N, C-alpha and C. Protein backbone atom coordinates (compact mmCIF):
# COMPACT_ATOMS: atom_id res chain seq x y z
N MET A 1 -5.32 -3.42 -17.37
CA MET A 1 -3.88 -3.04 -17.89
C MET A 1 -3.19 -0.98 -17.53
N PRO A 2 -1.83 -1.94 -16.99
CA PRO A 2 -1.39 -0.46 -16.69
C PRO A 2 -1.36 0.38 -18.13
N ARG A 3 -1.95 2.01 -18.01
CA ARG A 3 -1.58 2.77 -19.37
C ARG A 3 0.37 3.00 -19.18
N PRO A 4 0.65 2.64 -20.80
CA PRO A 4 2.50 2.74 -20.79
C PRO A 4 3.09 3.88 -20.41
N ASP A 5 1.97 5.40 -19.84
CA ASP A 5 2.81 6.44 -18.51
C ASP A 5 2.79 5.63 -17.10
N ASP A 6 1.95 4.85 -16.63
CA ASP A 6 2.00 4.51 -15.68
C ASP A 6 3.03 4.08 -15.05
N ASN A 7 3.77 3.82 -13.88
CA ASN A 7 4.98 3.36 -13.42
C ASN A 7 4.28 1.84 -13.04
N ALA A 8 5.46 0.68 -13.27
CA ALA A 8 4.62 -0.52 -12.87
C ALA A 8 4.52 -0.54 -11.54
N THR A 9 5.45 -0.15 -10.44
CA THR A 9 5.04 -0.15 -9.28
C THR A 9 3.41 0.77 -8.50
N ASP A 10 2.73 1.06 -9.69
CA ASP A 10 1.55 2.01 -9.58
C ASP A 10 0.48 1.31 -9.72
N GLY A 11 1.43 0.27 -9.96
CA GLY A 11 -0.29 -0.56 -10.97
C GLY A 11 -1.47 -0.93 -10.45
N LEU A 12 -1.12 -2.17 -9.59
CA LEU A 12 -2.44 -1.68 -8.42
C LEU A 12 -3.45 -0.54 -8.09
N LEU A 13 -2.85 0.52 -7.67
CA LEU A 13 -3.58 0.94 -7.40
C LEU A 13 -3.72 2.29 -8.56
N LEU A 14 -3.67 2.20 -9.16
CA LEU A 14 -4.29 2.68 -10.66
C LEU A 14 -5.41 2.06 -11.23
N ASP A 15 -4.71 0.38 -11.00
CA ASP A 15 -6.08 -0.31 -11.46
C ASP A 15 -7.43 -0.57 -10.41
N GLU A 16 -6.74 -0.19 -9.80
CA GLU A 16 -8.02 0.21 -8.22
C GLU A 16 -8.75 1.57 -8.47
N LEU A 17 -8.43 2.17 -8.52
CA LEU A 17 -9.03 3.43 -9.08
C LEU A 17 -9.77 3.62 -10.90
N ARG A 18 -9.15 3.12 -11.43
CA ARG A 18 -10.17 2.37 -12.81
C ARG A 18 -11.39 1.50 -12.24
N ALA A 19 -10.91 0.77 -11.95
CA ALA A 19 -12.33 -0.30 -11.59
C ALA A 19 -13.18 0.34 -10.53
N VAL A 20 -12.86 0.87 -9.86
CA VAL A 20 -14.10 2.29 -9.68
C VAL A 20 -14.60 3.56 -9.96
N GLY A 21 -13.95 3.51 -11.76
CA GLY A 21 -14.52 4.72 -11.91
C GLY A 21 -13.14 5.72 -11.67
N ALA A 22 -12.85 6.04 -10.89
CA ALA A 22 -12.14 7.27 -10.06
C ALA A 22 -11.05 8.12 -11.34
N LEU A 23 -10.27 6.52 -11.82
CA LEU A 23 -9.08 7.29 -12.99
C LEU A 23 -9.78 7.52 -14.37
N LYS A 24 -10.17 8.94 -14.54
CA LYS A 24 -10.65 9.37 -16.00
C LYS A 24 -10.05 9.95 -16.87
N ASP A 25 -10.53 9.64 -17.96
CA ASP A 25 -9.94 10.44 -18.95
C ASP A 25 -10.92 10.93 -19.72
N GLY A 26 -10.22 11.81 -20.37
CA GLY A 26 -11.33 12.86 -21.42
C GLY A 26 -10.72 14.49 -21.58
N HIS A 27 -11.66 15.09 -20.91
CA HIS A 27 -11.68 16.98 -21.05
C HIS A 27 -11.67 17.21 -20.04
N PHE A 28 -10.81 17.69 -18.53
CA PHE A 28 -11.81 18.42 -17.82
C PHE A 28 -11.01 19.84 -17.40
N LEU A 29 -12.09 20.47 -16.99
CA LEU A 29 -11.56 21.74 -16.31
C LEU A 29 -11.56 21.95 -15.21
N LEU A 30 -9.73 22.04 -14.84
CA LEU A 30 -9.56 21.95 -13.68
C LEU A 30 -9.40 23.25 -12.45
N SER A 31 -9.61 23.59 -11.38
CA SER A 31 -9.87 24.47 -10.32
C SER A 31 -9.37 25.59 -10.93
N SER A 32 -7.99 25.28 -11.14
CA SER A 32 -6.79 26.50 -12.03
C SER A 32 -7.29 27.31 -12.74
N GLY A 33 -8.15 26.57 -13.87
CA GLY A 33 -8.82 27.11 -15.04
C GLY A 33 -8.42 26.75 -16.11
N ARG A 34 -6.82 25.87 -15.40
CA ARG A 34 -6.00 25.38 -17.22
C ARG A 34 -7.02 23.49 -17.49
N HIS A 35 -6.81 23.01 -18.53
CA HIS A 35 -7.37 21.58 -19.15
C HIS A 35 -6.33 20.73 -18.94
N ALA A 36 -7.18 19.85 -18.66
CA ALA A 36 -6.64 17.89 -18.77
C ALA A 36 -7.03 17.23 -19.48
N GLY A 37 -6.37 15.95 -19.84
CA GLY A 37 -6.83 15.13 -20.12
C GLY A 37 -7.27 13.75 -19.64
N ARG A 38 -7.03 13.54 -18.18
CA ARG A 38 -6.64 13.23 -16.92
C ARG A 38 -7.15 13.52 -15.72
N TYR A 39 -7.80 12.87 -15.28
CA TYR A 39 -8.44 13.57 -13.62
C TYR A 39 -8.68 12.30 -12.57
N VAL A 40 -8.26 12.57 -11.47
CA VAL A 40 -8.72 11.39 -10.50
C VAL A 40 -10.01 11.77 -9.66
N GLU A 41 -10.66 11.31 -9.67
CA GLU A 41 -12.07 11.97 -8.62
C GLU A 41 -12.23 11.09 -7.48
N LYS A 42 -11.35 11.53 -6.44
CA LYS A 42 -10.99 10.78 -5.33
C LYS A 42 -12.84 10.37 -4.85
N PHE A 43 -13.60 10.99 -4.60
CA PHE A 43 -14.86 10.07 -4.14
C PHE A 43 -15.67 8.99 -4.82
N ASP A 44 -15.06 8.76 -6.14
CA ASP A 44 -15.75 7.76 -6.82
C ASP A 44 -14.93 6.44 -5.83
N LEU A 45 -13.50 6.74 -5.23
CA LEU A 45 -12.93 5.87 -4.68
C LEU A 45 -13.47 5.86 -3.09
N LEU A 46 -13.48 7.22 -2.23
CA LEU A 46 -13.90 7.15 -0.90
C LEU A 46 -15.43 6.68 -0.66
N ARG A 47 -15.90 6.86 -1.57
CA ARG A 47 -17.64 6.26 -1.23
C ARG A 47 -17.78 4.95 -1.25
N ARG A 48 -16.48 4.37 -0.99
CA ARG A 48 -16.76 2.76 -1.65
C ARG A 48 -15.54 2.49 -0.05
N PRO A 49 -16.07 1.59 0.73
CA PRO A 49 -15.28 1.64 2.27
C PRO A 49 -14.32 0.46 1.61
N SER A 50 -15.19 -0.35 1.32
CA SER A 50 -14.05 -1.97 0.98
C SER A 50 -13.16 -1.38 0.00
N ALA A 51 -13.33 -0.68 -0.99
CA ALA A 51 -12.06 -0.09 -1.82
C ALA A 51 -11.27 0.81 -1.34
N THR A 52 -11.69 1.46 -0.56
CA THR A 52 -10.54 2.43 0.37
C THR A 52 -9.85 1.63 1.33
N GLU A 53 -10.94 0.71 1.95
CA GLU A 53 -9.75 -0.25 2.97
C GLU A 53 -8.81 -0.69 2.13
N ARG A 54 -8.80 -1.49 0.72
CA ARG A 54 -7.53 -2.10 0.35
C ARG A 54 -6.58 -1.34 -0.47
N VAL A 55 -7.00 0.17 -0.89
CA VAL A 55 -5.90 1.21 -1.26
C VAL A 55 -5.59 1.27 0.24
N CYS A 56 -5.94 1.73 0.94
CA CYS A 56 -4.64 2.09 2.72
C CYS A 56 -3.93 0.97 3.19
N ARG A 57 -4.13 -0.28 2.63
CA ARG A 57 -3.32 -1.43 3.44
C ARG A 57 -2.12 -0.90 2.42
N GLY A 58 -1.92 0.27 1.21
CA GLY A 58 -0.48 0.72 0.99
C GLY A 58 -0.23 1.32 1.78
N PHE A 59 -0.41 2.15 2.42
CA PHE A 59 0.04 2.78 3.64
C PHE A 59 0.32 2.17 4.73
N ALA A 60 -0.58 1.67 4.88
CA ALA A 60 -0.25 0.71 6.70
C ALA A 60 0.84 -0.16 6.36
N GLY A 61 1.11 -0.81 5.05
CA GLY A 61 1.95 -1.63 5.04
C GLY A 61 3.33 -0.84 4.85
N ARG A 62 3.47 0.09 4.42
CA ARG A 62 4.54 0.89 4.47
C ARG A 62 4.82 1.72 5.47
N PHE A 63 4.15 1.69 6.28
CA PHE A 63 4.62 2.61 7.69
C PHE A 63 4.48 1.43 9.14
N ARG A 64 4.02 0.24 8.94
CA ARG A 64 3.81 -0.75 10.20
C ARG A 64 4.96 -1.27 10.71
N GLY A 65 6.40 -0.81 10.19
CA GLY A 65 7.76 -1.38 10.69
C GLY A 65 8.16 -0.02 11.42
N GLU A 66 7.47 0.96 11.14
CA GLU A 66 7.74 2.95 11.70
C GLU A 66 7.16 2.96 12.78
N ARG A 67 7.51 3.64 14.17
CA ARG A 67 6.86 3.80 14.99
C ARG A 67 5.99 5.18 14.24
N ILE A 68 4.71 5.15 14.26
CA ILE A 68 3.52 6.40 14.32
C ILE A 68 2.68 6.00 15.36
N ASP A 69 2.83 7.21 15.64
CA ASP A 69 1.56 7.94 17.37
C ASP A 69 0.29 7.97 16.86
N VAL A 70 0.34 8.73 15.82
CA VAL A 70 -1.12 9.31 15.27
C VAL A 70 -0.68 9.59 13.49
N VAL A 71 -2.41 9.18 12.93
CA VAL A 71 -2.25 9.41 11.42
C VAL A 71 -3.11 10.67 11.82
N VAL A 72 -2.55 11.62 11.07
CA VAL A 72 -3.44 12.90 10.85
C VAL A 72 -3.86 13.43 8.58
N GLY A 73 -4.95 14.26 8.57
CA GLY A 73 -5.21 14.19 6.89
C GLY A 73 -6.58 15.39 7.24
N PRO A 74 -5.61 16.26 6.33
CA PRO A 74 -6.88 17.41 6.10
C PRO A 74 -8.57 17.11 5.56
N THR A 75 -9.24 17.30 6.03
CA THR A 75 -10.60 17.83 5.24
C THR A 75 -10.17 18.17 3.83
N THR A 76 -11.15 17.50 2.94
CA THR A 76 -12.27 16.51 3.36
C THR A 76 -11.44 14.77 3.17
N GLY A 77 -11.13 14.28 1.99
CA GLY A 77 -10.61 13.40 1.92
C GLY A 77 -9.64 12.73 2.50
N GLY A 78 -9.17 13.43 3.01
CA GLY A 78 -7.71 13.18 4.25
C GLY A 78 -8.49 12.77 5.35
N VAL A 79 -9.30 13.24 5.84
CA VAL A 79 -9.81 12.58 6.95
C VAL A 79 -10.57 11.05 7.01
N ILE A 80 -11.23 10.81 5.93
CA ILE A 80 -11.37 9.37 5.62
C ILE A 80 -10.28 8.41 5.59
N LEU A 81 -9.03 8.73 4.64
CA LEU A 81 -7.53 8.49 4.48
C LEU A 81 -6.97 8.20 5.96
N ALA A 82 -7.01 9.12 6.76
CA ALA A 82 -6.27 8.92 8.30
C ALA A 82 -7.53 7.95 9.09
N PHE A 83 -8.34 8.13 8.99
CA PHE A 83 -9.27 7.45 10.04
C PHE A 83 -9.33 5.69 9.31
N GLU A 84 -8.78 5.49 8.20
CA GLU A 84 -8.66 3.79 8.23
C GLU A 84 -7.31 3.50 8.21
N VAL A 85 -6.27 4.82 7.72
CA VAL A 85 -4.87 3.96 8.38
C VAL A 85 -4.49 4.41 9.22
N GLY A 86 -4.97 4.81 9.98
CA GLY A 86 -5.01 5.00 12.38
C GLY A 86 -5.53 3.44 12.15
N ARG A 87 -6.63 3.07 11.88
CA ARG A 87 -7.27 1.56 11.82
C ARG A 87 -6.61 0.55 11.90
N GLN A 88 -5.73 0.61 10.29
CA GLN A 88 -5.31 -0.62 10.38
C GLN A 88 -3.60 -0.69 11.28
N LEU A 89 -3.23 0.76 11.80
CA LEU A 89 -1.94 0.43 12.15
C LEU A 89 -2.28 0.78 13.87
N GLY A 90 -3.38 0.50 13.95
CA GLY A 90 -3.58 0.47 15.07
C GLY A 90 -3.48 1.75 16.62
N VAL A 91 -3.83 3.04 15.59
CA VAL A 91 -3.43 4.49 16.27
C VAL A 91 -4.75 5.18 16.01
N ASP A 92 -4.44 6.11 16.95
CA ASP A 92 -5.38 7.46 17.13
C ASP A 92 -5.15 8.18 15.51
N ALA A 93 -6.38 8.83 15.02
CA ALA A 93 -6.35 9.77 13.64
C ALA A 93 -6.59 10.95 14.35
N ALA A 94 -6.30 12.12 13.79
CA ALA A 94 -6.42 13.53 13.55
C ALA A 94 -7.19 14.35 12.67
N TYR A 95 -7.49 15.68 12.68
CA TYR A 95 -7.91 15.87 10.93
C TYR A 95 -7.75 17.55 11.21
N ALA A 96 -7.33 17.89 10.43
CA ALA A 96 -6.70 19.36 9.89
C ALA A 96 -8.01 19.73 9.30
N GLU A 97 -9.14 20.84 9.56
CA GLU A 97 -10.04 21.55 9.60
C GLU A 97 -9.58 23.09 9.37
N ARG A 98 -10.10 23.57 8.31
CA ARG A 98 -10.52 24.81 7.97
C ARG A 98 -10.73 25.98 9.68
N ARG A 99 -9.70 26.59 9.29
CA ARG A 99 -9.80 27.65 10.86
C ARG A 99 -11.18 28.11 11.26
N ALA A 100 -11.94 28.41 12.19
CA ALA A 100 -13.28 28.57 12.51
C ALA A 100 -13.22 30.14 12.06
N ASP A 101 -12.48 30.73 12.37
CA ASP A 101 -12.49 32.23 12.34
C ASP A 101 -12.27 32.97 10.89
N GLY A 102 -12.65 31.32 9.95
CA GLY A 102 -12.41 32.17 8.67
C GLY A 102 -11.14 32.35 7.79
N ALA A 103 -9.92 32.78 8.74
CA ALA A 103 -8.82 32.77 8.40
C ALA A 103 -8.31 31.56 7.32
N ALA A 104 -7.50 31.92 6.50
CA ALA A 104 -6.74 30.71 6.00
C ALA A 104 -5.84 30.07 6.96
N GLY A 105 -5.55 28.59 5.83
CA GLY A 105 -5.26 27.79 7.25
C GLY A 105 -5.64 26.74 6.99
N ARG A 106 -5.70 26.15 8.37
CA ARG A 106 -6.02 25.09 9.21
C ARG A 106 -5.66 24.95 10.46
N GLU A 107 -6.59 24.35 10.96
CA GLU A 107 -6.45 24.03 12.49
C GLU A 107 -7.08 22.77 13.37
N PHE A 108 -6.84 22.08 14.15
CA PHE A 108 -7.05 21.38 15.29
C PHE A 108 -8.17 21.41 16.21
N ARG A 109 -9.12 21.24 16.27
CA ARG A 109 -10.49 21.60 16.63
C ARG A 109 -10.69 20.26 17.36
N ARG A 110 -11.82 20.63 18.36
CA ARG A 110 -12.81 19.54 18.94
C ARG A 110 -12.13 18.90 19.95
N GLY A 111 -11.18 19.22 20.91
CA GLY A 111 -9.78 18.79 22.07
C GLY A 111 -9.61 18.19 21.29
N THR A 112 -8.65 17.94 20.13
CA THR A 112 -7.76 17.54 19.61
C THR A 112 -6.22 17.85 20.71
N THR A 113 -5.68 16.55 20.87
CA THR A 113 -4.52 17.13 21.70
C THR A 113 -3.37 16.20 20.94
N PHE A 114 -1.94 16.42 21.35
CA PHE A 114 -0.58 15.77 20.96
C PHE A 114 0.39 15.22 21.83
N ALA A 115 0.37 14.06 21.94
CA ALA A 115 1.58 13.59 23.42
C ALA A 115 2.57 14.40 22.52
N ALA A 116 3.39 14.72 23.46
CA ALA A 116 4.98 15.79 22.91
C ALA A 116 6.01 14.39 22.59
N GLY A 117 6.50 14.80 21.65
CA GLY A 117 7.42 14.25 21.05
C GLY A 117 6.36 12.94 19.60
N ALA A 118 5.33 13.34 19.74
CA ALA A 118 4.51 11.89 18.84
C ALA A 118 4.87 12.10 17.39
N ARG A 119 5.26 10.79 16.90
CA ARG A 119 5.51 11.29 15.16
C ARG A 119 4.34 10.54 14.51
N VAL A 120 4.20 11.59 14.02
CA VAL A 120 2.86 11.53 13.02
C VAL A 120 3.04 11.73 11.15
N LEU A 121 2.19 10.69 11.07
CA LEU A 121 1.99 10.45 9.55
C LEU A 121 1.02 11.30 9.03
N VAL A 122 1.34 12.29 7.84
CA VAL A 122 0.49 13.20 7.30
C VAL A 122 0.06 12.26 6.16
N VAL A 123 -1.78 11.85 5.67
CA VAL A 123 -2.20 11.28 4.85
C VAL A 123 -2.70 12.50 3.69
N ASP A 124 -3.19 12.29 2.79
CA ASP A 124 -3.62 12.80 1.95
C ASP A 124 -4.14 11.93 0.40
N ASP A 125 -5.12 12.67 -0.14
CA ASP A 125 -5.14 11.46 -1.20
C ASP A 125 -5.22 12.23 -2.48
N ILE A 126 -5.02 13.37 -3.31
CA ILE A 126 -4.37 13.61 -4.76
C ILE A 126 -3.30 14.72 -4.25
N LEU A 127 -2.29 15.16 -4.88
CA LEU A 127 -1.02 15.72 -4.80
C LEU A 127 -1.29 16.22 -5.97
N THR A 128 -1.51 17.30 -5.90
CA THR A 128 -1.43 18.55 -6.97
C THR A 128 -0.44 19.60 -6.55
N THR A 129 -0.92 20.17 -6.10
CA THR A 129 0.08 21.77 -5.75
C THR A 129 0.78 22.03 -3.89
N GLY A 130 0.31 20.71 -3.49
CA GLY A 130 0.67 20.74 -2.03
C GLY A 130 -0.40 21.61 -0.74
N GLY A 131 -0.84 22.72 -1.10
CA GLY A 131 -1.20 23.21 -0.45
C GLY A 131 -2.09 23.22 0.65
N SER A 132 -3.22 21.74 0.94
CA SER A 132 -3.47 21.47 1.82
C SER A 132 -2.66 20.33 3.02
N VAL A 133 -1.75 19.77 2.18
CA VAL A 133 -0.97 19.05 2.87
C VAL A 133 0.05 20.24 3.57
N ARG A 134 0.65 21.65 2.82
CA ARG A 134 1.16 22.49 3.64
C ARG A 134 0.46 23.34 4.89
N GLU A 135 -0.92 23.64 4.98
CA GLU A 135 -1.50 23.70 5.84
C GLU A 135 -1.90 23.09 6.88
N THR A 136 -1.67 21.50 6.57
CA THR A 136 -1.88 20.78 7.89
C THR A 136 -0.24 20.33 8.51
N LEU A 137 0.64 20.40 7.53
CA LEU A 137 1.64 20.66 8.12
C LEU A 137 2.28 22.06 9.41
N ALA A 138 1.76 23.53 8.44
CA ALA A 138 1.14 24.69 9.59
C ALA A 138 0.51 24.50 10.87
N ALA A 139 -0.30 23.68 10.79
CA ALA A 139 -1.08 23.53 11.89
C ALA A 139 -0.21 22.64 13.18
N LEU A 140 0.28 21.79 12.81
CA LEU A 140 1.22 20.79 13.72
C LEU A 140 2.35 21.33 13.87
N ASP A 141 2.73 22.70 13.64
CA ASP A 141 3.83 23.02 14.25
C ASP A 141 3.56 23.57 15.52
N GLY A 142 4.37 24.28 16.52
CA GLY A 142 3.68 24.52 18.04
C GLY A 142 3.31 23.05 18.96
N HIS A 143 3.03 22.20 18.21
CA HIS A 143 2.45 20.99 18.84
C HIS A 143 3.51 20.13 19.53
N GLY A 144 4.45 20.07 18.96
CA GLY A 144 5.75 19.34 19.75
C GLY A 144 6.00 18.33 19.09
N VAL A 145 5.64 18.12 18.20
CA VAL A 145 5.70 16.52 17.35
C VAL A 145 6.44 16.44 16.31
N GLU A 146 6.85 14.99 15.99
CA GLU A 146 7.49 15.16 14.82
C GLU A 146 6.66 14.45 13.79
N VAL A 147 7.08 15.18 12.35
CA VAL A 147 6.20 14.72 11.45
C VAL A 147 6.74 13.34 10.59
N ALA A 148 6.77 12.30 10.94
CA ALA A 148 7.24 11.03 9.89
C ALA A 148 7.68 10.98 8.59
N ALA A 149 6.69 11.21 8.16
CA ALA A 149 6.81 11.53 6.54
C ALA A 149 4.82 12.13 6.02
N VAL A 150 4.56 12.12 4.92
CA VAL A 150 3.92 12.52 4.01
C VAL A 150 3.52 11.60 3.45
N ALA A 151 2.16 10.77 3.29
CA ALA A 151 1.94 9.48 2.20
C ALA A 151 0.67 10.70 1.38
N VAL A 152 0.69 10.09 0.55
CA VAL A 152 -0.86 10.25 -0.37
C VAL A 152 -0.71 9.20 -1.61
N LEU A 153 -2.23 9.23 -2.02
CA LEU A 153 -2.68 8.46 -3.02
C LEU A 153 -1.93 8.50 -4.00
N VAL A 154 -2.29 9.56 -4.64
CA VAL A 154 -1.66 9.26 -5.79
C VAL A 154 -1.04 11.39 -6.00
N ASP A 155 0.30 10.95 -6.57
CA ASP A 155 1.32 12.39 -6.76
C ASP A 155 0.93 12.78 -8.08
N ARG A 156 0.10 13.82 -8.39
CA ARG A 156 -0.08 14.20 -9.63
C ARG A 156 0.31 15.08 -10.13
N SER A 157 1.57 15.74 -9.10
CA SER A 157 2.64 16.69 -9.58
C SER A 157 3.53 16.21 -10.64
N GLY A 158 3.72 14.98 -10.50
CA GLY A 158 4.98 14.64 -11.01
C GLY A 158 6.06 14.37 -10.36
N GLY A 159 6.20 14.98 -9.16
CA GLY A 159 6.88 14.16 -8.58
C GLY A 159 7.75 15.82 -8.22
N ARG A 160 7.22 16.81 -8.12
CA ARG A 160 7.78 18.16 -8.18
C ARG A 160 7.54 19.37 -6.95
N VAL A 161 6.46 18.53 -6.33
CA VAL A 161 6.81 19.00 -5.26
C VAL A 161 7.12 18.45 -3.87
N ALA A 162 7.18 18.99 -2.85
CA ALA A 162 8.09 18.60 -1.74
C ALA A 162 8.01 19.26 -0.49
N PHE A 163 8.13 18.83 0.91
CA PHE A 163 7.30 19.33 1.90
C PHE A 163 8.38 19.54 2.79
N GLY A 164 9.79 19.04 3.23
CA GLY A 164 10.54 18.39 4.09
C GLY A 164 10.80 17.71 4.79
N ALA A 165 9.96 16.88 4.64
CA ALA A 165 9.97 15.40 5.19
C ALA A 165 9.41 14.48 4.22
N PRO A 166 9.95 13.26 4.04
CA PRO A 166 9.52 12.39 3.35
C PRO A 166 8.11 12.04 3.00
N LEU A 167 8.55 11.98 1.59
CA LEU A 167 7.41 11.76 0.67
C LEU A 167 6.51 10.50 -0.07
N VAL A 168 5.79 9.55 0.37
CA VAL A 168 5.78 8.81 -0.12
C VAL A 168 3.88 8.53 -0.89
N ALA A 169 4.06 8.26 -2.17
CA ALA A 169 2.98 8.18 -3.17
C ALA A 169 2.80 6.63 -3.23
N LEU A 170 1.40 6.12 -3.61
CA LEU A 170 1.50 5.37 -3.41
C LEU A 170 1.07 5.02 -5.27
N ALA A 171 1.05 6.30 -5.87
CA ALA A 171 0.99 6.24 -7.34
C ALA A 171 1.25 7.35 -7.50
N THR A 172 2.43 7.69 -9.21
CA THR A 172 2.49 9.17 -9.24
C THR A 172 1.98 8.85 -10.79
N LEU A 173 1.22 10.26 -10.84
CA LEU A 173 1.07 10.41 -12.52
C LEU A 173 1.24 11.67 -12.54
N ASP A 174 1.84 11.90 -14.16
CA ASP A 174 2.54 13.16 -14.89
C ASP A 174 1.46 13.53 -15.74
N VAL A 175 0.74 14.72 -15.12
CA VAL A 175 -0.52 14.72 -16.24
C VAL A 175 -0.35 16.03 -16.80
N PRO A 176 -0.33 16.03 -17.83
CA PRO A 176 0.34 17.54 -18.72
C PRO A 176 -1.02 18.39 -18.73
N THR A 177 -0.81 19.74 -18.39
CA THR A 177 -2.22 20.49 -18.13
C THR A 177 -2.05 21.46 -19.40
N TYR A 178 -2.84 22.48 -19.77
CA TYR A 178 -2.93 23.33 -20.73
C TYR A 178 -3.71 24.44 -20.33
N GLU A 179 -3.26 26.30 -20.98
CA GLU A 179 -4.07 26.69 -20.67
C GLU A 179 -5.24 26.57 -22.05
N PRO A 180 -5.84 26.90 -21.31
CA PRO A 180 -7.54 26.95 -22.73
C PRO A 180 -7.23 27.16 -24.16
N SER A 181 -6.11 28.41 -24.44
CA SER A 181 -5.94 29.01 -25.72
C SER A 181 -4.95 27.91 -26.16
N GLU A 182 -4.23 27.00 -25.42
CA GLU A 182 -3.14 25.99 -25.98
C GLU A 182 -3.55 24.54 -26.06
N CYS A 183 -4.88 24.27 -25.70
CA CYS A 183 -5.67 22.72 -25.50
C CYS A 183 -5.46 21.75 -26.42
N PRO A 184 -4.58 21.07 -26.74
CA PRO A 184 -4.65 20.10 -27.78
C PRO A 184 -6.11 19.84 -28.19
N LEU A 185 -7.19 19.23 -26.74
CA LEU A 185 -8.38 18.74 -26.83
C LEU A 185 -9.81 19.71 -27.25
N CYS A 186 -9.23 21.10 -26.84
CA CYS A 186 -9.89 21.98 -27.45
C CYS A 186 -9.93 21.97 -28.79
N ALA A 187 -9.04 21.52 -29.49
CA ALA A 187 -8.80 21.87 -30.97
C ALA A 187 -9.37 20.70 -31.43
N ASP A 188 -8.92 19.53 -30.90
CA ASP A 188 -10.01 18.58 -31.05
C ASP A 188 -11.36 18.31 -30.80
N GLY A 189 -11.80 19.11 -30.49
CA GLY A 189 -12.83 19.54 -30.19
C GLY A 189 -13.81 18.43 -28.96
N VAL A 190 -13.38 17.90 -28.28
CA VAL A 190 -13.41 17.04 -27.16
C VAL A 190 -14.37 17.90 -26.08
N THR A 191 -15.36 17.44 -25.71
CA THR A 191 -16.42 17.90 -24.79
C THR A 191 -15.30 18.00 -23.06
N LEU A 192 -15.97 19.42 -23.38
CA LEU A 192 -14.86 19.64 -21.75
C LEU A 192 -16.05 19.98 -20.31
N VAL A 193 -15.40 19.27 -19.65
CA VAL A 193 -16.45 19.14 -18.34
C VAL A 193 -16.03 19.48 -17.47
N LYS A 194 -16.64 19.83 -16.70
CA LYS A 194 -15.96 20.57 -14.93
C LYS A 194 -16.07 19.30 -13.87
N PRO A 195 -15.12 18.26 -13.33
CA PRO A 195 -15.05 17.77 -12.65
C PRO A 195 -15.83 17.60 -11.55
N GLY A 196 -16.72 16.66 -10.65
CA GLY A 196 -17.63 17.36 -9.65
C GLY A 196 -18.86 17.40 -10.48
N THR A 197 -19.27 18.10 -11.21
CA THR A 197 -20.47 18.55 -11.45
C THR A 197 -20.79 17.50 -12.78
N THR A 198 -22.12 17.79 -13.22
CA THR A 198 -22.26 16.75 -14.74
C THR A 198 -22.52 18.25 -15.65
N ALA A 199 -21.99 19.29 -15.24
CA ALA A 199 -21.83 20.10 -16.40
C ALA A 199 -20.95 20.17 -17.48
N VAL A 200 -21.54 20.71 -18.66
CA VAL A 200 -20.77 20.79 -20.04
C VAL A 200 -19.97 21.91 -19.76
N VAL A 201 -18.78 22.18 -20.10
CA VAL A 201 -18.55 23.93 -20.05
C VAL A 201 -18.48 24.27 -21.40
């Protein structure tokens, strides 16, 4: 059952995330240093091909009626989503990788090219600050493509991030985060865990 703070239209994806253990409640240390009581571990979904195929139907269904020529995703999780959405739409996929020279940003390598005027759908997994999507959009500059939309599995920003292109989220979560000194979960003595590890902080 969706929680009271879940939008009804988000229910199917959120139920899928819960079913594979990707939507977690607890006390989490985020990469920003802030704390949160909820976390989406994308790889609990992405390591399950059948579940990933099912959730990507949400992207494919939304964009099948539009002319999409290429689906693009940033490393790492966006690669898996771009491949699967491209497969379902019957179009190519491309991947925005970290720059080979170690500089900030992303680039398209390994012989990736785009036809002039190609309509590109950018997909990613969890939207928080939008950094990986912005880097992907910057990498597309100069390739002569049109960005049709940005689509994400979960918008964790609460709808506060914009890219200058239509944003489609299969689910939206507004997850409060706290400075450690103001964290109510710390005050309640809830064990703090760093996501992606088994470490108790």
